[in-house]
Amino acid sequence: MRFTVGCVCALLFATTAMGACPGDGPEVVLDFFSRAYSERSEELLDMVMAPDYTWVTVAPPEVDIFPREESFDSSVRMFGNESVEWVSLEFREGFDVVEGVEPGTWRIENLLATLKVKSVGAKQPSVAPLCVTFYVRKLEGEGGGFEVFREVFFEGEGCVRK
């Protein structure tokens, strides 16, 4: 059974000190990505990534596109790596949620994120500032919810707000 971000969010957050799910809009996916990384949870990552998810990196003049399986497997390998002490993915305030071209879709853009990875034995974590846009869709049916179907990382000129 595949759970949706919207219905699972309420269940997960209700059992934590964080309280209720922080909203029913597309930006709820940010909480799921953050939790997936901090908890090193394959299940949470699987919930937020759509079956047709693609990851795009834009570093002018190069553009690389990775299918869901490759992106998912890469994160899961990092989660399970014994030399990784902890991981965090944090999103800053000030992003924009813009309606997409297709009904029930949005872009979360101008989003600044920081990926931190602390290796065992390292004094300081590796810190990677990221500029990202998430393409999100609302799921229809019982429970509804949201999922990310495309994630675009920008480096260099594509990263507007450094």
C-alpha atoms as a PDB file:
ATOM      1  CA  MET A   1       0.000   0.000   0.000  1.00  0.00           C
ATOM      2  CA  ARG A   2       1.384   3.407  -0.974  1.00  0.00           C
ATOM      3  CA  PHE A   3       0.690   6.165   1.553  1.00  0.00           C
ATOM      4  CA  THR A   4       0.397   9.767   0.489  1.00  0.00           C
ATOM      5  CA  VAL A   5       2.253  12.655   2.047  1.00  0.00           C
ATOM      6  CA  GLY A   6      -0.931  14.365   3.218  1.00  0.00           C
ATOM      7  CA  CYS A   7      -2.439  11.455   5.142  1.00  0.00           C
ATOM      8  CA  VAL A   8       0.826  10.106   6.534  1.00  0.00           C
ATOM      9  CA  CYS A   9       1.934  13.581   7.586  1.00  0.00           C
ATOM     10  CA  ALA A  10      -0.898  13.873  10.080  1.00  0.00           C
ATOM     11  CA  LEU A  11      -0.112  10.426  11.507  1.00  0.00           C
ATOM     12  CA  LEU A  12       3.615  11.063  11.834  1.00  0.00           C
ATOM     13  CA  PHE A  13       3.420  14.549  13.254  1.00  0.00           C
ATOM     14  CA  ALA A  14       0.618  13.672  15.680  1.00  0.00           C
ATOM     15  CA  THR A  15       2.988  11.322  17.493  1.00  0.00           C
ATOM     16  CA  THR A  16       5.807  13.850  17.857  1.00  0.00           C
ATOM     17  CA  ALA A  17       6.334  16.991  19.873  1.00  0.00           C
ATOM     18  CA  MET A  18       5.975  18.974  16.659  1.00  0.00           C
ATOM     19  CA  GLY A  19       2.170  18.770  16.848  1.00  0.00           C
ATOM     20  CA  ALA A  20      -0.041  18.696  13.768  1.00  0.00           C
ATOM     21  CA  CYS A  21       1.086  18.635  10.163  1.00  0.00           C
ATOM     22  CA  PRO A  22       2.274  22.177   9.359  1.00  0.00           C
ATOM     23  CA  GLY A  23      -0.399  22.738   6.729  1.00  0.00           C
ATOM     24  CA  ASP A  24      -2.233  21.137   3.898  1.00  0.00           C
ATOM     25  CA  GLY A  25      -0.498  22.959   1.061  1.00  0.00           C
ATOM     26  CA  PRO A  26       2.212  21.694  -1.270  1.00  0.00           C
ATOM     27  CA  GLU A  27       4.971  23.048   0.986  1.00  0.00           C
ATOM     28  CA  VAL A  28       4.328  20.101   3.349  1.00  0.00           C
ATOM     29  CA  VAL A  29       6.764  18.135   1.144  1.00  0.00           C
ATOM     30  CA  LEU A  30       9.621  20.203   2.602  1.00  0.00           C
ATOM     31  CA  ASP A  31       8.958  18.737   6.043  1.00  0.00           C
ATOM     32  CA  PHE A  32       8.984  15.237   4.581  1.00  0.00           C
ATOM     33  CA  PHE A  33      12.311  15.733   2.824  1.00  0.00           C
ATOM     34  CA  SER A  34      13.830  17.212   6.001  1.00  0.00           C
ATOM     35  CA  ARG A  35      12.549  14.350   8.134  1.00  0.00           C
ATOM     36  CA  ALA A  36      13.612  11.720   5.596  1.00  0.00           C
ATOM     37  CA  TYR A  37      17.179  12.998   5.773  1.00  0.00           C
ATOM     38  CA  SER A  38      17.422  13.672   9.514  1.00  0.00           C
ATOM     39  CA  GLU A  39      15.845  10.303  10.336  1.00  0.00           C
ATOM     40  CA  ARG A  40      17.688   8.605   7.460  1.00  0.00           C
ATOM     41  CA  SER A  41      14.325   7.117   6.523  1.00  0.00           C
ATOM     42  CA  GLU A  42      13.920   5.240   3.278  1.00  0.00           C
ATOM     43  CA  GLU A  43      10.165   5.034   3.941  1.00  0.00           C
ATOM     44  CA  LEU A  44       9.659   8.794   4.288  1.00  0.00           C
ATOM     45  CA  LEU A  45      11.755   9.453   1.197  1.00  0.00           C
ATOM     46  CA  ASP A  46       9.717   6.898  -0.744  1.00  0.00           C
ATOM     47  CA  MET A  47       6.472   8.598   0.334  1.00  0.00           C
ATOM     48  CA  VAL A  48       7.456  12.070  -0.869  1.00  0.00           C
ATOM     49  CA  MET A  49       8.999  11.024  -4.211  1.00  0.00           C
ATOM     50  CA  ALA A  50       6.428  10.364  -6.951  1.00  0.00           C
ATOM     51  CA  PRO A  51       6.782   7.169  -9.011  1.00  0.00           C
ATOM     52  CA  ASP A  52       7.697   9.370 -12.019  1.00  0.00           C
ATOM     53  CA  TYR A  53      10.093  11.586  -9.995  1.00  0.00           C
ATOM     54  CA  THR A  54      13.155  12.971 -11.766  1.00  0.00           C
ATOM     55  CA  TRP A  55      16.107  14.863 -10.331  1.00  0.00           C
ATOM     56  CA  VAL A  56      17.679  17.532 -12.523  1.00  0.00           C
ATOM     57  CA  THR A  57      20.956  19.317 -11.799  1.00  0.00           C
ATOM     58  CA  VAL A  58      21.665  22.543 -13.635  1.00  0.00           C
ATOM     59  CA  ALA A  59      25.268  23.766 -13.568  1.00  0.00           C
ATOM     60  CA  PRO A  60      25.613  25.888 -16.711  1.00  0.00           C
ATOM     61  CA  PRO A  61      26.401  24.854 -19.333  1.00  0.00           C
ATOM     62  CA  GLU A  62      25.636  21.295 -18.099  1.00  0.00           C
ATOM     63  CA  VAL A  63      22.253  19.761 -17.285  1.00  0.00           C
ATOM     64  CA  ASP A  64      22.052  16.240 -15.870  1.00  0.00           C
ATOM     65  CA  ILE A  65      18.830  14.268 -15.413  1.00  0.00           C
ATOM     66  CA  PHE A  66      18.555  11.317 -13.035  1.00  0.00           C
ATOM     67  CA  PRO A  67      15.597   8.921 -12.781  1.00  0.00           C
ATOM     68  CA  ARG A  68      13.874   8.243  -9.469  1.00  0.00           C
ATOM     69  CA  GLU A  69      15.625   4.936  -8.887  1.00  0.00           C
ATOM     70  CA  GLU A  70      19.094   6.443  -9.187  1.00  0.00           C
ATOM     71  CA  SER A  71      18.328   9.433  -6.957  1.00  0.00           C
ATOM     72  CA  PHE A  72      16.465   7.345  -4.376  1.00  0.00           C
ATOM     73  CA  ASP A  73      19.175   4.659  -4.252  1.00  0.00           C
ATOM     74  CA  SER A  74      21.905   7.272  -3.849  1.00  0.00           C
ATOM     75  CA  SER A  75      20.161   8.817  -0.822  1.00  0.00           C
ATOM     76  CA  VAL A  76      19.404   5.420   0.721  1.00  0.00           C
ATOM     77  CA  ARG A  77      23.068   4.383   0.354  1.00  0.00           C
ATOM     78  CA  MET A  78      24.069   7.559   2.192  1.00  0.00           C
ATOM     79  CA  PHE A  79      21.449   6.883   4.913  1.00  0.00           C
ATOM     80  CA  GLY A  80      22.866   3.393   5.481  1.00  0.00           C
ATOM     81  CA  ASN A  81      26.536   4.290   5.227  1.00  0.00           C
ATOM     82  CA  GLU A  82      28.245   3.427   8.524  1.00  0.00           C
ATOM     83  CA  SER A  83      30.796   6.210   8.030  1.00  0.00           C
ATOM     84  CA  VAL A  84      28.003   8.817   8.062  1.00  0.00           C
ATOM     85  CA  GLU A  85      27.271   9.913  11.628  1.00  0.00           C
ATOM     86  CA  TRP A  86      24.300  12.168  10.799  1.00  0.00           C
ATOM     87  CA  VAL A  87      22.597  13.994   7.928  1.00  0.00           C
ATOM     88  CA  SER A  88      20.329  17.024   7.787  1.00  0.00           C
ATOM     89  CA  LEU A  89      18.485  18.848   5.031  1.00  0.00           C
ATOM     90  CA  GLU A  90      17.187  22.269   6.063  1.00  0.00           C
ATOM     91  CA  PHE A  91      15.056  24.680   4.040  1.00  0.00           C
ATOM     92  CA  ARG A  92      15.089  28.433   4.630  1.00  0.00           C
ATOM     93  CA  GLU A  93      12.062  30.672   4.770  1.00  0.00           C
ATOM     94  CA  GLY A  94      11.329  33.065   1.918  1.00  0.00           C
ATOM     95  CA  PHE A  95      10.511  30.630  -0.887  1.00  0.00           C
ATOM     96  CA  ASP A  96       7.629  31.072  -3.327  1.00  0.00           C
ATOM     97  CA  VAL A  97       4.800  28.621  -4.016  1.00  0.00           C
ATOM     98  CA  VAL A  98       3.568  29.164  -7.582  1.00  0.00           C
ATOM     99  CA  GLU A  99       0.658  27.403  -9.295  1.00  0.00           C
ATOM    100  CA  GLY A 100       1.789  25.125 -12.089  1.00  0.00           C
ATOM    101  CA  VAL A 101       0.485  24.941 -15.640  1.00  0.00           C
ATOM    102  CA  GLU A 102      -1.447  21.720 -14.966  1.00  0.00           C
ATOM    103  CA  PRO A 103      -4.317  21.861 -12.434  1.00  0.00           C
ATOM    104  CA  GLY A 104      -3.270  20.563  -9.016  1.00  0.00           C
ATOM    105  CA  THR A 105       0.445  21.265  -9.534  1.00  0.00           C
ATOM    106  CA  TRP A 106       2.789  23.827  -7.998  1.00  0.00           C
ATOM    107  CA  ARG A 107       6.404  24.908  -8.032  1.00  0.00           C
ATOM    108  CA  ILE A 108       8.191  25.657  -4.803  1.00  0.00           C
ATOM    109  CA  GLU A 109      10.880  27.976  -6.089  1.00  0.00           C
ATOM    110  CA  ASN A 110      13.537  30.376  -4.861  1.00  0.00           C
ATOM    111  CA  LEU A 111      14.128  27.728  -2.238  1.00  0.00           C
ATOM    112  CA  LEU A 112      17.432  27.793  -0.419  1.00  0.00           C
ATOM    113  CA  ALA A 113      18.464  24.591   1.313  1.00  0.00           C
ATOM    114  CA  THR A 114      21.459  23.345   3.221  1.00  0.00           C
ATOM    115  CA  LEU A 115      22.547  19.724   3.144  1.00  0.00           C
ATOM    116  CA  LYS A 116      24.872  18.771   6.005  1.00  0.00           C
ATOM    117  CA  VAL A 117      26.619  15.422   6.276  1.00  0.00           C
ATOM    118  CA  LYS A 118      28.746  14.590   9.324  1.00  0.00           C
ATOM    119  CA  SER A 119      31.202  11.763   8.802  1.00  0.00           C
ATOM    120  CA  VAL A 120      32.372   9.636  11.707  1.00  0.00           C
ATOM    121  CA  GLY A 121      35.659  11.047  12.936  1.00  0.00           C
ATOM    122  CA  ALA A 122      35.306  14.381  11.122  1.00  0.00           C
ATOM    123  CA  LYS A 123      35.468  17.474  13.280  1.00  0.00           C
ATOM    124  CA  GLN A 124      32.920  19.391  11.195  1.00  0.00           C
ATOM    125  CA  PRO A 125      30.131  18.319   8.843  1.00  0.00           C
ATOM    126  CA  SER A 126      30.348  18.837   5.103  1.00  0.00           C
ATOM    127  CA  VAL A 127      27.967  21.668   4.230  1.00  0.00           C
ATOM    128  CA  ALA A 128      26.412  22.086   0.790  1.00  0.00           C
ATOM    129  CA  PRO A 129      24.206  25.143   0.156  1.00  0.00           C
ATOM    130  CA  LEU A 130      21.593  24.367  -2.481  1.00  0.00           C
ATOM    131  CA  CYS A 131      19.190  26.319  -4.655  1.00  0.00           C
ATOM    132  CA  VAL A 132      16.302  24.082  -5.569  1.00  0.00           C
ATOM    133  CA  THR A 133      12.869  24.085  -7.169  1.00  0.00           C
ATOM    134  CA  PHE A 134      10.371  21.349  -6.316  1.00  0.00           C
ATOM    135  CA  TYR A 135       7.552  20.469  -8.707  1.00  0.00           C
ATOM    136  CA  VAL A 136       4.667  19.178  -6.605  1.00  0.00           C
ATOM    137  CA  ARG A 137       1.327  17.608  -7.431  1.00  0.00           C
ATOM    138  CA  LYS A 138      -1.759  17.011  -5.345  1.00  0.00           C
ATOM    139  CA  LEU A 139      -2.931  13.433  -5.273  1.00  0.00           C
ATOM    140  CA  GLU A 140      -6.583  12.742  -5.865  1.00  0.00           C
ATOM    141  CA  GLY A 141      -8.708  10.278  -3.979  1.00  0.00           C
ATOM    142  CA  GLU A 142      -9.110   9.331  -0.353  1.00  0.00           C
ATOM    143  CA  GLY A 143      -6.527  11.005   1.851  1.00  0.00           C
ATOM    144  CA  GLY A 144      -5.228  13.286  -0.891  1.00  0.00           C
ATOM    145  CA  GLY A 145      -1.718  14.435  -0.171  1.00  0.00           C
ATOM    146  CA  PHE A 146       1.189  15.816  -2.161  1.00  0.00           C
ATOM    147  CA  GLU A 147       4.212  14.339  -3.897  1.00  0.00           C
ATOM    148  CA  VAL A 148       7.298  15.722  -5.625  1.00  0.00           C
ATOM    149  CA  PHE A 149       7.550  14.702  -9.274  1.00  0.00           C
ATOM    150  CA  ARG A 150      10.585  16.802 -10.219  1.00  0.00           C
ATOM    151  CA  GLU A 151      13.424  18.333  -8.232  1.00  0.00           C
ATOM    152  CA  VAL A 152      15.767  20.809  -9.890  1.00  0.00           C
ATOM    153  CA  PHE A 153      19.084  21.828  -8.278  1.00  0.00           C
ATOM    154  CA  PHE A 154      20.734  24.975  -9.552  1.00  0.00           C
ATOM    155  CA  GLU A 155      24.388  25.922  -9.343  1.00  0.00           C
ATOM    156  CA  GLY A 156      25.992  29.134 -10.527  1.00  0.00           C
ATOM    157  CA  GLU A 157      23.786  31.532 -12.482  1.00  0.00           C
ATOM    158  CA  GLY A 158      20.615  29.479 -11.956  1.00  0.00           C
ATOM    159  CA  CYS A 159      20.892  30.014  -8.213  1.00  0.00           C
ATOM    160  CA  VAL A 160      19.180  33.389  -7.866  1.00  0.00           C
ATOM    161  CA  ARG A 161      19.272  34.057  -4.100  1.00  0.00           C
ATOM    162  CA  LYS A 162      22.665  32.967  -2.767  1.00  0.00           C
END
